[in-house]
Amino acid sequence: MNLFVISDTHGTIERALEMFRRVTDSGTRIDGVLHAGDLLRDADAFAKEVRLPLWNVPGNCDGCFERNYQILDLPSGRLLLTHGHMEQADLSHQNLYYLAEEQACSAVCFGHTHVAEIRNIGGID
């Protein structure tokens, strides 16, 4: 299953649509879209434009100030989707790790930091 991940679009989806088209024009099939918050209306507009299933969570710019996340049961394992602001992802990834561990997830997808990264902490991607 191939998921297209975006976050923190903050009112503009044009760049995300451009990247999506680059990926799909290269022959990669995308099965769904993950949007990790900021802004939910962007997530809906993006999914409508590309006509794919959408999983999303609200971020701080959506007015969400309580812990909010989704657990996706994927063929590759359980994925935690959160914006990350309530877990203070901009300071440390430790709270994300603990939440993923509590929820028996093997991977976490988050936004908020405006930094793309892939890392493994304690076996959680």
PDB file of N, CA and C in Angstrom:
ATOM      1  N   MET A   1       0.843  -1.173   0.000  1.00  0.00           N
ATOM      2  CA  MET A   1       0.000   0.000   0.000  1.00  0.00           C
ATOM      3  C   MET A   1       0.893   1.242   0.000  1.00  0.00           C
ATOM      4  N   ASN A   2       0.680   2.127  -0.949  1.00  0.00           N
ATOM      5  CA  ASN A   2       1.440   3.367  -1.049  1.00  0.00           C
ATOM      6  C   ASN A   2       0.572   4.540  -0.612  1.00  0.00           C
ATOM      7  N   LEU A   3       1.062   5.280   0.368  1.00  0.00           N
ATOM      8  CA  LEU A   3       0.342   6.432   0.892  1.00  0.00           C
ATOM      9  C   LEU A   3       1.123   7.702   0.588  1.00  0.00           C
ATOM     10  N   PHE A   4       0.415   8.737   0.175  1.00  0.00           N
ATOM     11  CA  PHE A   4       1.005  10.044  -0.069  1.00  0.00           C
ATOM     12  C   PHE A   4       0.796  10.860   1.194  1.00  0.00           C
ATOM     13  N   VAL A   5       1.880  11.326   1.797  1.00  0.00           N
ATOM     14  CA  VAL A   5       1.824  11.998   3.095  1.00  0.00           C
ATOM     15  C   VAL A   5       2.087  13.487   2.925  1.00  0.00           C
ATOM     16  N   ILE A   6       1.164  14.296   3.479  1.00  0.00           N
ATOM     17  CA  ILE A   6       1.349  15.744   3.490  1.00  0.00           C
ATOM     18  C   ILE A   6       0.938  16.284   4.856  1.00  0.00           C
ATOM     19  N   SER A   7       1.375  17.476   5.142  1.00  0.00           N
ATOM     20  CA  SER A   7       1.037  18.125   6.403  1.00  0.00           C
ATOM     21  C   SER A   7       1.335  19.603   6.298  1.00  0.00           C
ATOM     22  N   ASP A   8       0.739  20.364   7.183  1.00  0.00           N
ATOM     23  CA  ASP A   8       1.063  21.788   7.321  1.00  0.00           C
ATOM     24  C   ASP A   8       0.988  22.529   5.992  1.00  0.00           C
ATOM     25  N   THR A   9      -0.090  22.296   5.276  1.00  0.00           N
ATOM     26  CA  THR A   9      -0.283  22.960   3.994  1.00  0.00           C
ATOM     27  C   THR A   9      -0.719  24.417   4.183  1.00  0.00           C
ATOM     28  N   HIS A  10      -1.283  24.735   5.296  1.00  0.00           N
ATOM     29  CA  HIS A  10      -1.594  26.123   5.688  1.00  0.00           C
ATOM     30  C   HIS A  10      -2.282  26.950   4.607  1.00  0.00           C
ATOM     31  N   GLY A  11      -3.279  26.349   3.976  1.00  0.00           N
ATOM     32  CA  GLY A  11      -4.101  27.110   3.047  1.00  0.00           C
ATOM     33  C   GLY A  11      -3.728  27.003   1.584  1.00  0.00           C
ATOM     34  N   THR A  12      -2.691  26.252   1.266  1.00  0.00           N
ATOM     35  CA  THR A  12      -2.309  26.107  -0.143  1.00  0.00           C
ATOM     36  C   THR A  12      -1.902  24.664  -0.440  1.00  0.00           C
ATOM     37  N   ILE A  13      -2.532  24.093  -1.447  1.00  0.00           N
ATOM     38  CA  ILE A  13      -2.237  22.690  -1.791  1.00  0.00           C
ATOM     39  C   ILE A  13      -1.536  22.559  -3.140  1.00  0.00           C
ATOM     40  N   GLU A  14      -1.246  23.665  -3.791  1.00  0.00           N
ATOM     41  CA  GLU A  14      -0.676  23.601  -5.139  1.00  0.00           C
ATOM     42  C   GLU A  14       0.642  22.825  -5.184  1.00  0.00           C
ATOM     43  N   ARG A  15       1.536  23.093  -4.253  1.00  0.00           N
ATOM     44  CA  ARG A  15       2.839  22.393  -4.235  1.00  0.00           C
ATOM     45  C   ARG A  15       2.647  20.899  -3.967  1.00  0.00           C
ATOM     46  N   ALA A  16       1.729  20.573  -3.064  1.00  0.00           N
ATOM     47  CA  ALA A  16       1.448  19.164  -2.765  1.00  0.00           C
ATOM     48  C   ALA A  16       0.863  18.464  -3.997  1.00  0.00           C
ATOM     49  N   LEU A  17      -0.016  19.149  -4.719  1.00  0.00           N
ATOM     50  CA  LEU A  17      -0.572  18.570  -5.944  1.00  0.00           C
ATOM     51  C   LEU A  17       0.519  18.370  -7.000  1.00  0.00           C
ATOM     52  N   GLU A  18       1.437  19.320  -7.096  1.00  0.00           N
ATOM     53  CA  GLU A  18       2.553  19.187  -8.035  1.00  0.00           C
ATOM     54  C   GLU A  18       3.403  17.960  -7.689  1.00  0.00           C
ATOM     55  N   MET A  19       3.707  17.779  -6.435  1.00  0.00           N
ATOM     56  CA  MET A  19       4.515  16.627  -6.013  1.00  0.00           C
ATOM     57  C   MET A  19       3.754  15.319  -6.255  1.00  0.00           C
ATOM     58  N   PHE A  20       2.453  15.324  -5.977  1.00  0.00           N
ATOM     59  CA  PHE A  20       1.625  14.144  -6.216  1.00  0.00           C
ATOM     60  C   PHE A  20       1.679  13.760  -7.702  1.00  0.00           C
ATOM     61  N   ARG A  21       1.537  14.743  -8.570  1.00  0.00           N
ATOM     62  CA  ARG A  21       1.570  14.468 -10.008  1.00  0.00           C
ATOM     63  C   ARG A  21       2.933  13.942 -10.447  1.00  0.00           C
ATOM     64  N   ARG A  22       3.998  14.474  -9.879  1.00  0.00           N
ATOM     65  CA  ARG A  22       5.344  13.954 -10.201  1.00  0.00           C
ATOM     66  C   ARG A  22       5.459  12.483  -9.832  1.00  0.00           C
ATOM     67  N   VAL A  23       4.971  12.151  -8.654  1.00  0.00           N
ATOM     68  CA  VAL A  23       5.056  10.757  -8.181  1.00  0.00           C
ATOM     69  C   VAL A  23       4.210   9.838  -9.051  1.00  0.00           C
ATOM     70  N   THR A  24       2.973  10.228  -9.310  1.00  0.00           N
ATOM     71  CA  THR A  24       2.096   9.352 -10.087  1.00  0.00           C
ATOM     72  C   THR A  24       2.477   9.313 -11.563  1.00  0.00           C
ATOM     73  N   ASP A  25       2.987  10.420 -12.090  1.00  0.00           N
ATOM     74  CA  ASP A  25       3.436  10.426 -13.492  1.00  0.00           C
ATOM     75  C   ASP A  25       4.647   9.514 -13.695  1.00  0.00           C
ATOM     76  N   SER A  26       5.391   9.250 -12.630  1.00  0.00           N
ATOM     77  CA  SER A  26       6.543   8.347 -12.734  1.00  0.00           C
ATOM     78  C   SER A  26       6.123   6.882 -12.717  1.00  0.00           C
ATOM     79  N   GLY A  27       4.814   6.653 -12.538  1.00  0.00           N
ATOM     80  CA  GLY A  27       4.312   5.276 -12.558  1.00  0.00           C
ATOM     81  C   GLY A  27       3.988   4.698 -11.195  1.00  0.00           C
ATOM     82  N   THR A  28       4.218   5.452 -10.135  1.00  0.00           N
ATOM     83  CA  THR A  28       3.910   4.957  -8.791  1.00  0.00           C
ATOM     84  C   THR A  28       2.414   5.078  -8.520  1.00  0.00           C
ATOM     85  N   ARG A  29       1.811   3.974  -8.098  1.00  0.00           N
ATOM     86  CA  ARG A  29       0.396   3.968  -7.745  1.00  0.00           C
ATOM     87  C   ARG A  29       0.239   4.433  -6.298  1.00  0.00           C
ATOM     88  N   ILE A  30      -0.635   5.374  -6.046  1.00  0.00           N
ATOM     89  CA  ILE A  30      -0.922   5.858  -4.693  1.00  0.00           C
ATOM     90  C   ILE A  30      -2.305   5.349  -4.298  1.00  0.00           C
ATOM     91  N   ASP A  31      -2.399   4.763  -3.101  1.00  0.00           N
ATOM     92  CA  ASP A  31      -3.655   4.172  -2.644  1.00  0.00           C
ATOM     93  C   ASP A  31      -4.458   5.078  -1.715  1.00  0.00           C
ATOM     94  N   GLY A  32      -3.814   6.070  -1.127  1.00  0.00           N
ATOM     95  CA  GLY A  32      -4.515   6.957  -0.210  1.00  0.00           C
ATOM     96  C   GLY A  32      -3.631   8.104   0.218  1.00  0.00           C
ATOM     97  N   VAL A  33      -4.244   9.056   0.918  1.00  0.00           N
ATOM     98  CA  VAL A  33      -3.564  10.270   1.346  1.00  0.00           C
ATOM     99  C   VAL A  33      -3.635  10.382   2.867  1.00  0.00           C
ATOM    100  N   LEU A  34      -2.489  10.689   3.474  1.00  0.00           N
ATOM    101  CA  LEU A  34      -2.431  11.028   4.899  1.00  0.00           C
ATOM    102  C   LEU A  34      -2.142  12.515   4.999  1.00  0.00           C
ATOM    103  N   HIS A  35      -2.943  13.218   5.777  1.00  0.00           N
ATOM    104  CA  HIS A  35      -2.682  14.641   6.037  1.00  0.00           C
ATOM    105  C   HIS A  35      -2.576  14.794   7.543  1.00  0.00           C
ATOM    106  N   ALA A  36      -1.405  15.221   8.011  1.00  0.00           N
ATOM    107  CA  ALA A  36      -1.123  15.284   9.448  1.00  0.00           C
ATOM    108  C   ALA A  36      -1.406  16.669  10.038  1.00  0.00           C
ATOM    109  N   GLY A  37      -2.481  17.294   9.582  1.00  0.00           N
ATOM    110  CA  GLY A  37      -2.946  18.520  10.218  1.00  0.00           C
ATOM    111  C   GLY A  37      -2.439  19.818   9.638  1.00  0.00           C
ATOM    112  N   ASP A  38      -3.160  20.860   9.955  1.00  0.00           N
ATOM    113  CA  ASP A  38      -2.909  22.249   9.523  1.00  0.00           C
ATOM    114  C   ASP A  38      -2.992  22.384   8.012  1.00  0.00           C
ATOM    115  N   LEU A  39      -4.010  22.367   7.413  1.00  0.00           N
ATOM    116  CA  LEU A  39      -5.399  22.634   7.711  1.00  0.00           C
ATOM    117  C   LEU A  39      -6.276  21.510   7.169  1.00  0.00           C
ATOM    118  N   LEU A  40      -7.323  21.187   7.923  1.00  0.00           N
ATOM    119  CA  LEU A  40      -8.229  20.113   7.516  1.00  0.00           C
ATOM    120  C   LEU A  40      -8.906  20.411   6.181  1.00  0.00           C
ATOM    121  N   ARG A  41      -9.254  21.661   5.936  1.00  0.00           N
ATOM    122  CA  ARG A  41      -9.922  21.978   4.658  1.00  0.00           C
ATOM    123  C   ARG A  41      -8.981  21.703   3.477  1.00  0.00           C
ATOM    124  N   ASP A  42      -7.689  21.871   3.689  1.00  0.00           N
ATOM    125  CA  ASP A  42      -6.720  21.544   2.639  1.00  0.00           C
ATOM    126  C   ASP A  42      -6.715  20.047   2.366  1.00  0.00           C
ATOM    127  N   ALA A  43      -6.782  19.269   3.418  1.00  0.00           N
ATOM    128  CA  ALA A  43      -6.787  17.811   3.270  1.00  0.00           C
ATOM    129  C   ALA A  43      -7.991  17.373   2.441  1.00  0.00           C
ATOM    130  N   ASP A  44      -9.155  17.911   2.753  1.00  0.00           N
ATOM    131  CA  ASP A  44     -10.368  17.568   2.009  1.00  0.00           C
ATOM    132  C   ASP A  44     -10.251  17.986   0.543  1.00  0.00           C
ATOM    133  N   ALA A  45      -9.760  19.192   0.292  1.00  0.00           N
ATOM    134  CA  ALA A  45      -9.605  19.684  -1.083  1.00  0.00           C
ATOM    135  C   ALA A  45      -8.610  18.831  -1.865  1.00  0.00           C
ATOM    136  N   PHE A  46      -7.512  18.451  -1.224  1.00  0.00           N
ATOM    137  CA  PHE A  46      -6.492  17.629  -1.879  1.00  0.00           C
ATOM    138  C   PHE A  46      -7.071  16.266  -2.254  1.00  0.00           C
ATOM    139  N   ALA A  47      -7.726  15.613  -1.291  1.00  0.00           N
ATOM    140  CA  ALA A  47      -8.284  14.282  -1.543  1.00  0.00           C
ATOM    141  C   ALA A  47      -9.353  14.330  -2.634  1.00  0.00           C
ATOM    142  N   LYS A  48     -10.136  15.383  -2.643  1.00  0.00           N
ATOM    143  CA  LYS A  48     -11.160  15.534  -3.677  1.00  0.00           C
ATOM    144  C   LYS A  48     -10.504  15.700  -5.052  1.00  0.00           C
ATOM    145  N   GLU A  49      -9.432  16.476  -5.104  1.00  0.00           N
ATOM    146  CA  GLU A  49      -8.723  16.722  -6.364  1.00  0.00           C
ATOM    147  C   GLU A  49      -8.101  15.439  -6.915  1.00  0.00           C
ATOM    148  N   VAL A  50      -7.500  14.626  -6.060  1.00  0.00           N
ATOM    149  CA  VAL A  50      -6.807  13.414  -6.528  1.00  0.00           C
ATOM    150  C   VAL A  50      -7.697  12.176  -6.478  1.00  0.00           C
ATOM    151  N   ARG A  51      -8.896  12.325  -5.907  1.00  0.00           N
ATOM    152  CA  ARG A  51      -9.892  11.243  -5.849  1.00  0.00           C
ATOM    153  C   ARG A  51      -9.368   9.985  -5.176  1.00  0.00           C
ATOM    154  N   LEU A  52      -8.840  10.173  -3.976  1.00  0.00           N
ATOM    155  CA  LEU A  52      -8.313   9.049  -3.205  1.00  0.00           C
ATOM    156  C   LEU A  52      -8.863   9.089  -1.777  1.00  0.00           C
ATOM    157  N   PRO A  53      -8.847   7.943  -1.100  1.00  0.00           N
ATOM    158  CA  PRO A  53      -9.236   7.935   0.311  1.00  0.00           C
ATOM    159  C   PRO A  53      -8.310   8.822   1.127  1.00  0.00           C
ATOM    160  N   LEU A  54      -8.851   9.412   2.168  1.00  0.00           N
ATOM    161  CA  LEU A  54      -8.112  10.350   3.007  1.00  0.00           C
ATOM    162  C   LEU A  54      -8.211   9.957   4.471  1.00  0.00           C
ATOM    163  N   TRP A  55      -7.067  10.028   5.147  1.00  0.00           N
ATOM    164  CA  TRP A  55      -7.014   9.936   6.603  1.00  0.00           C
ATOM    165  C   TRP A  55      -6.356  11.213   7.075  1.00  0.00           C
ATOM    166  N   ASN A  56      -6.981  11.897   8.017  1.00  0.00           N
ATOM    167  CA  ASN A  56      -6.391  13.144   8.485  1.00  0.00           C
ATOM    168  C   ASN A  56      -6.691  13.378   9.958  1.00  0.00           C
ATOM    169  N   VAL A  57      -5.925  14.274  10.525  1.00  0.00           N
ATOM    170  CA  VAL A  57      -6.092  14.691  11.918  1.00  0.00           C
ATOM    171  C   VAL A  57      -5.960  16.208  11.976  1.00  0.00           C
ATOM    172  N   PRO A  58      -6.616  16.841  12.943  1.00  0.00           N
ATOM    173  CA  PRO A  58      -6.483  18.293  13.072  1.00  0.00           C
ATOM    174  C   PRO A  58      -5.169  18.680  13.744  1.00  0.00           C
ATOM    175  N   GLY A  59      -4.725  19.879  13.425  1.00  0.00           N
ATOM    176  CA  GLY A  59      -3.533  20.426  14.057  1.00  0.00           C
ATOM    177  C   GLY A  59      -3.866  21.655  14.874  1.00  0.00           C
ATOM    178  N   ASN A  60      -2.846  22.305  15.388  1.00  0.00           N
ATOM    179  CA  ASN A  60      -3.066  23.494  16.216  1.00  0.00           C
ATOM    180  C   ASN A  60      -3.720  24.624  15.424  1.00  0.00           C
ATOM    181  N   CYS A  61      -3.424  24.764  14.142  1.00  0.00           N
ATOM    182  CA  CYS A  61      -4.057  25.808  13.333  1.00  0.00           C
ATOM    183  C   CYS A  61      -5.494  25.465  12.964  1.00  0.00           C
ATOM    184  N   ASP A  62      -5.919  24.239  13.248  1.00  0.00           N
ATOM    185  CA  ASP A  62      -7.314  23.847  13.082  1.00  0.00           C
ATOM    186  C   ASP A  62      -8.103  24.091  14.366  1.00  0.00           C
ATOM    187  N   GLY A  63      -7.433  24.633  15.378  1.00  0.00           N
ATOM    188  CA  GLY A  63      -8.098  24.893  16.652  1.00  0.00           C
ATOM    189  C   GLY A  63      -8.131  23.687  17.573  1.00  0.00           C
ATOM    190  N   CYS A  64      -7.296  22.705  17.303  1.00  0.00           N
ATOM    191  CA  CYS A  64      -7.256  21.495  18.129  1.00  0.00           C
ATOM    192  C   CYS A  64      -6.217  21.677  19.241  1.00  0.00           C
ATOM    193  N   PHE A  65      -6.698  21.637  20.472  1.00  0.00           N
ATOM    194  CA  PHE A  65      -5.792  21.785  21.607  1.00  0.00           C
ATOM    195  C   PHE A  65      -5.985  20.660  22.620  1.00  0.00           C
ATOM    196  N   GLU A  66      -6.267  19.484  22.098  1.00  0.00           N
ATOM    197  CA  GLU A  66      -6.304  18.272  22.905  1.00  0.00           C
ATOM    198  C   GLU A  66      -5.701  17.159  22.059  1.00  0.00           C
ATOM    199  N   ARG A  67      -5.260  16.119  22.709  1.00  0.00           N
ATOM    200  CA  ARG A  67      -4.626  15.015  21.976  1.00  0.00           C
ATOM    201  C   ARG A  67      -5.623  14.427  20.989  1.00  0.00           C
ATOM    202  N   ASN A  68      -5.217  14.338  19.729  1.00  0.00           N
ATOM    203  CA  ASN A  68      -6.077  13.818  18.684  1.00  0.00           C
ATOM    204  C   ASN A  68      -5.204  13.013  17.734  1.00  0.00           C
ATOM    205  N   TYR A  69      -5.548  11.766  17.531  1.00  0.00           N
ATOM    206  CA  TYR A  69      -4.771  10.920  16.640  1.00  0.00           C
ATOM    207  C   TYR A  69      -5.655   9.832  16.066  1.00  0.00           C
ATOM    208  N   GLN A  70      -5.166   9.205  15.030  1.00  0.00           N
ATOM    209  CA  GLN A  70      -5.820   8.047  14.432  1.00  0.00           C
ATOM    210  C   GLN A  70      -4.829   6.901  14.400  1.00  0.00           C
ATOM    211  N   ILE A  71      -5.355   5.701  14.513  1.00  0.00           N
ATOM    212  CA  ILE A  71      -4.565   4.492  14.341  1.00  0.00           C
ATOM    213  C   ILE A  71      -5.050   3.829  13.059  1.00  0.00           C
ATOM    214  N   LEU A  72      -4.142   3.590  12.146  1.00  0.00           N
ATOM    215  CA  LEU A  72      -4.476   2.915  10.901  1.00  0.00           C
ATOM    216  C   LEU A  72      -3.881   1.516  10.934  1.00  0.00           C
ATOM    217  N   ASP A  73      -4.720   0.534  10.695  1.00  0.00           N
ATOM    218  CA  ASP A  73      -4.251  -0.843  10.580  1.00  0.00           C
ATOM    219  C   ASP A  73      -3.944  -1.110   9.119  1.00  0.00           C
ATOM    220  N   LEU A  74      -2.671  -1.072   8.794  1.00  0.00           N
ATOM    221  CA  LEU A  74      -2.207  -1.223   7.414  1.00  0.00           C
ATOM    222  C   LEU A  74      -1.585  -2.604   7.220  1.00  0.00           C
ATOM    223  N   PRO A  75      -1.440  -3.049   5.977  1.00  0.00           N
ATOM    224  CA  PRO A  75      -0.797  -4.342   5.731  1.00  0.00           C
ATOM    225  C   PRO A  75       0.604  -4.441   6.352  1.00  0.00           C
ATOM    226  N   SER A  76       1.290  -3.305   6.471  1.00  0.00           N
ATOM    227  CA  SER A  76       2.648  -3.305   7.020  1.00  0.00           C
ATOM    228  C   SER A  76       2.681  -3.152   8.540  1.00  0.00           C
ATOM    229  N   GLY A  77       1.536  -2.942   9.163  1.00  0.00           N
ATOM    230  CA  GLY A  77       1.480  -2.778  10.616  1.00  0.00           C
ATOM    231  C   GLY A  77       0.619  -1.590  11.000  1.00  0.00           C
ATOM    232  N   ARG A  78       0.589  -1.315  12.297  1.00  0.00           N
ATOM    233  CA  ARG A  78      -0.225  -0.207  12.804  1.00  0.00           C
ATOM    234  C   ARG A  78       0.541   1.109  12.704  1.00  0.00           C
ATOM    235  N   LEU A  79      -0.148   2.131  12.210  1.00  0.00           N
ATOM    236  CA  LEU A  79       0.446   3.449  12.026  1.00  0.00           C
ATOM    237  C   LEU A  79      -0.305   4.459  12.880  1.00  0.00           C
ATOM    238  N   LEU A  80       0.440   5.257  13.615  1.00  0.00           N
ATOM    239  CA  LEU A  80      -0.118   6.356  14.398  1.00  0.00           C
ATOM    240  C   LEU A  80      -0.022   7.625  13.566  1.00  0.00           C
ATOM    241  N   LEU A  81      -1.161   8.278  13.327  1.00  0.00           N
ATOM    242  CA  LEU A  81      -1.210   9.545  12.602  1.00  0.00           C
ATOM    243  C   LEU A  81      -1.631  10.632  13.576  1.00  0.00           C
ATOM    244  N   THR A  82      -0.785  11.634  13.755  1.00  0.00           N
ATOM    245  CA  THR A  82      -1.070  12.750  14.649  1.00  0.00           C
ATOM    246  C   THR A  82      -0.412  14.006  14.091  1.00  0.00           C
ATOM    247  N   HIS A  83      -0.882  15.158  14.528  1.00  0.00           N
ATOM    248  CA  HIS A  83      -0.213  16.387  14.100  1.00  0.00           C
ATOM    249  C   HIS A  83       1.111  16.541  14.846  1.00  0.00           C
ATOM    250  N   GLY A  84       1.097  16.248  16.132  1.00  0.00           N
ATOM    251  CA  GLY A  84       2.331  16.268  16.913  1.00  0.00           C
ATOM    252  C   GLY A  84       2.464  17.438  17.864  1.00  0.00           C
ATOM    253  N   HIS A  85       1.592  18.426  17.752  1.00  0.00           N
ATOM    254  CA  HIS A  85       1.724  19.597  18.628  1.00  0.00           C
ATOM    255  C   HIS A  85       1.446  19.258  20.089  1.00  0.00           C
ATOM    256  N   MET A  86       0.491  18.386  20.349  1.00  0.00           N
ATOM    257  CA  MET A  86       0.194  18.011  21.735  1.00  0.00           C
ATOM    258  C   MET A  86       1.258  17.089  22.318  1.00  0.00           C
ATOM    259  N   GLU A  87       2.018  16.444  21.470  1.00  0.00           N
ATOM    260  CA  GLU A  87       3.122  15.584  21.906  1.00  0.00           C
ATOM    261  C   GLU A  87       4.446  16.345  21.923  1.00  0.00           C
ATOM    262  N   GLN A  88       4.393  17.621  21.635  1.00  0.00           N
ATOM    263  CA  GLN A  88       5.569  18.507  21.617  1.00  0.00           C
ATOM    264  C   GLN A  88       6.666  17.985  20.690  1.00  0.00           C
ATOM    265  N   ALA A  89       6.236  17.589  19.486  1.00  0.00           N
ATOM    266  CA  ALA A  89       7.173  17.022  18.515  1.00  0.00           C
ATOM    267  C   ALA A  89       8.259  18.001  18.101  1.00  0.00           C
ATOM    268  N   ASP A  90       8.010  19.295  18.271  1.00  0.00           N
ATOM    269  CA  ASP A  90       9.031  20.277  17.906  1.00  0.00           C
ATOM    270  C   ASP A  90      10.171  20.331  18.914  1.00  0.00           C
ATOM    271  N   LEU A  91       9.973  19.742  20.091  1.00  0.00           N
ATOM    272  CA  LEU A  91      11.019  19.714  21.118  1.00  0.00           C
ATOM    273  C   LEU A  91      11.741  18.375  21.185  1.00  0.00           C
ATOM    274  N   SER A  92      10.969  17.291  21.026  1.00  0.00           N
ATOM    275  CA  SER A  92      11.521  15.943  21.154  1.00  0.00           C
ATOM    276  C   SER A  92      10.539  14.961  20.521  1.00  0.00           C
ATOM    277  N   HIS A  93      11.032  13.820  20.107  1.00  0.00           N
ATOM    278  CA  HIS A  93      10.163  12.781  19.565  1.00  0.00           C
ATOM    279  C   HIS A  93       9.788  11.739  20.621  1.00  0.00           C
ATOM    280  N   GLN A  94      10.240  11.942  21.834  1.00  0.00           N
ATOM    281  CA  GLN A  94      10.012  10.968  22.899  1.00  0.00           C
ATOM    282  C   GLN A  94       8.527  10.720  23.174  1.00  0.00           C
ATOM    283  N   ASN A  95       7.716  11.770  23.233  1.00  0.00           N
ATOM    284  CA  ASN A  95       6.281  11.594  23.503  1.00  0.00           C
ATOM    285  C   ASN A  95       5.579  10.869  22.359  1.00  0.00           C
ATOM    286  N   LEU A  96       6.013  11.109  21.119  1.00  0.00           N
ATOM    287  CA  LEU A  96       5.472  10.369  19.987  1.00  0.00           C
ATOM    288  C   LEU A  96       5.804   8.886  20.116  1.00  0.00           C
ATOM    289  N   TYR A  97       7.028   8.608  20.503  1.00  0.00           N
ATOM    290  CA  TYR A  97       7.463   7.229  20.706  1.00  0.00           C
ATOM    291  C   TYR A  97       6.602   6.539  21.771  1.00  0.00           C
ATOM    292  N   TYR A  98       6.410   7.209  22.897  1.00  0.00           N
ATOM    293  CA  TYR A  98       5.605   6.619  23.982  1.00  0.00           C
ATOM    294  C   TYR A  98       4.165   6.374  23.541  1.00  0.00           C
ATOM    295  N   LEU A  99       3.576   7.327  22.830  1.00  0.00           N
ATOM    296  CA  LEU A  99       2.203   7.153  22.360  1.00  0.00           C
ATOM    297  C   LEU A  99       2.110   5.994  21.378  1.00  0.00           C
ATOM    298  N   ALA A 100       3.056   5.905  20.467  1.00  0.00           N
ATOM    299  CA  ALA A 100       3.074   4.797  19.511  1.00  0.00           C
ATOM    300  C   ALA A 100       3.235   3.466  20.226  1.00  0.00           C
ATOM    301  N   GLU A 101       4.102   3.439  21.209  1.00  0.00           N
ATOM    302  CA  GLU A 101       4.303   2.214  21.987  1.00  0.00           C
ATOM    303  C   GLU A 101       3.031   1.828  22.739  1.00  0.00           C
ATOM    304  N   GLU A 102       2.371   2.790  23.349  1.00  0.00           N
ATOM    305  CA  GLU A 102       1.106   2.533  24.071  1.00  0.00           C
ATOM    306  C   GLU A 102       0.038   1.965  23.143  1.00  0.00           C
ATOM    307  N   GLN A 103       0.035   2.421  21.895  1.00  0.00           N
ATOM    308  CA  GLN A 103      -0.987   2.012  20.934  1.00  0.00           C
ATOM    309  C   GLN A 103      -0.541   0.828  20.061  1.00  0.00           C
ATOM    310  N   ALA A 104       0.590   0.239  20.384  1.00  0.00           N
ATOM    311  CA  ALA A 104       1.144  -0.910  19.657  1.00  0.00           C
ATOM    312  C   ALA A 104       1.327  -0.606  18.170  1.00  0.00           C
ATOM    313  N   CYS A 105       1.844   0.576  17.887  1.00  0.00           N
ATOM    314  CA  CYS A 105       2.099   0.994  16.507  1.00  0.00           C
ATOM    315  C   CYS A 105       3.573   0.780  16.166  1.00  0.00           C
ATOM    316  N   SER A 106       3.817   0.440  14.918  1.00  0.00           N
ATOM    317  CA  SER A 106       5.200   0.248  14.473  1.00  0.00           C
ATOM    318  C   SER A 106       5.745   1.475  13.754  1.00  0.00           C
ATOM    319  N   ALA A 107       4.862   2.449  13.492  1.00  0.00           N
ATOM    320  CA  ALA A 107       5.302   3.662  12.803  1.00  0.00           C
ATOM    321  C   ALA A 107       4.437   4.839  13.227  1.00  0.00           C
ATOM    322  N   VAL A 108       5.005   6.043  13.087  1.00  0.00           N
ATOM    323  CA  VAL A 108       4.320   7.291  13.413  1.00  0.00           C
ATOM    324  C   VAL A 108       4.460   8.240  12.234  1.00  0.00           C
ATOM    325  N   CYS A 109       3.380   8.923  11.912  1.00  0.00           N
ATOM    326  CA  CYS A 109       3.397   9.978  10.912  1.00  0.00           C
ATOM    327  C   CYS A 109       2.875  11.234  11.597  1.00  0.00           C
ATOM    328  N   PHE A 110       3.666  12.304  11.544  1.00  0.00           N
ATOM    329  CA  PHE A 110       3.274  13.532  12.230  1.00  0.00           C
ATOM    330  C   PHE A 110       3.714  14.742  11.434  1.00  0.00           C
ATOM    331  N   GLY A 111       3.171  15.886  11.789  1.00  0.00           N
ATOM    332  CA  GLY A 111       3.520  17.146  11.154  1.00  0.00           C
ATOM    333  C   GLY A 111       4.065  18.108  12.192  1.00  0.00           C
ATOM    334  N   HIS A 112       3.594  19.336  12.145  1.00  0.00           N
ATOM    335  CA  HIS A 112       3.864  20.408  13.091  1.00  0.00           C
ATOM    336  C   HIS A 112       5.256  21.007  12.981  1.00  0.00           C
ATOM    337  N   THR A 113       6.276  20.228  12.754  1.00  0.00           N
ATOM    338  CA  THR A 113       7.652  20.736  12.787  1.00  0.00           C
ATOM    339  C   THR A 113       8.085  21.379  11.472  1.00  0.00           C
ATOM    340  N   HIS A 114       7.360  21.119  10.396  1.00  0.00           N
ATOM    341  CA  HIS A 114       7.713  21.616   9.058  1.00  0.00           C
ATOM    342  C   HIS A 114       9.067  21.077   8.591  1.00  0.00           C
ATOM    343  N   VAL A 115       9.442  19.907   9.104  1.00  0.00           N
ATOM    344  CA  VAL A 115      10.705  19.265   8.737  1.00  0.00           C
ATOM    345  C   VAL A 115      10.409  17.822   8.327  1.00  0.00           C
ATOM    346  N   ALA A 116      10.797  17.467   7.107  1.00  0.00           N
ATOM    347  CA  ALA A 116      10.639  16.087   6.649  1.00  0.00           C
ATOM    348  C   ALA A 116      11.788  15.253   7.200  1.00  0.00           C
ATOM    349  N   GLU A 117      11.460  14.130   7.786  1.00  0.00           N
ATOM    350  CA  GLU A 117      12.516  13.263   8.321  1.00  0.00           C
ATOM    351  C   GLU A 117      12.014  11.838   8.453  1.00  0.00           C
ATOM    352  N   ILE A 118      12.947  10.928   8.424  1.00  0.00           N
ATOM    353  CA  ILE A 118      12.672   9.525   8.701  1.00  0.00           C
ATOM    354  C   ILE A 118      13.694   9.096   9.734  1.00  0.00           C
ATOM    355  N   ARG A 119      13.204   8.568  10.830  1.00  0.00           N
ATOM    356  CA  ARG A 119      14.121   8.053  11.844  1.00  0.00           C
ATOM    357  C   ARG A 119      13.473   6.884  12.557  1.00  0.00           C
ATOM    358  N   ASN A 120      14.280   6.104  13.215  1.00  0.00           N
ATOM    359  CA  ASN A 120      13.816   4.960  13.981  1.00  0.00           C
ATOM    360  C   ASN A 120      14.229   5.159  15.432  1.00  0.00           C
ATOM    361  N   ILE A 121      13.249   5.105  16.317  1.00  0.00           N
ATOM    362  CA  ILE A 121      13.514   5.223  17.757  1.00  0.00           C
ATOM    363  C   ILE A 121      12.940   3.981  18.427  1.00  0.00           C
ATOM    364  N   GLY A 122      13.785   3.196  18.986  1.00  0.00           N
ATOM    365  CA  GLY A 122      13.334   2.001  19.702  1.00  0.00           C
ATOM    366  C   GLY A 122      12.521   1.043  18.871  1.00  0.00           C
ATOM    367  N   GLY A 123      12.810   0.954  17.568  1.00  0.00           N
ATOM    368  CA  GLY A 123      12.096   0.036  16.695  1.00  0.00           C
ATOM    369  C   GLY A 123      10.827   0.616  16.092  1.00  0.00           C
ATOM    370  N   ILE A 124      10.525   1.865  16.408  1.00  0.00           N
ATOM    371  CA  ILE A 124       9.353   2.527  15.841  1.00  0.00           C
ATOM    372  C   ILE A 124       9.836   3.518  14.793  1.00  0.00           C
ATOM    373  N   ASP A 125       9.300   3.384  13.574  1.00  0.00           N
ATOM    374  CA  ASP A 125       9.690   4.266  12.465  1.00  0.00           C
ATOM    375  C   ASP A 125       8.858   5.530  12.472  1.00  0.00           C
TER     376      ASP A 125
END
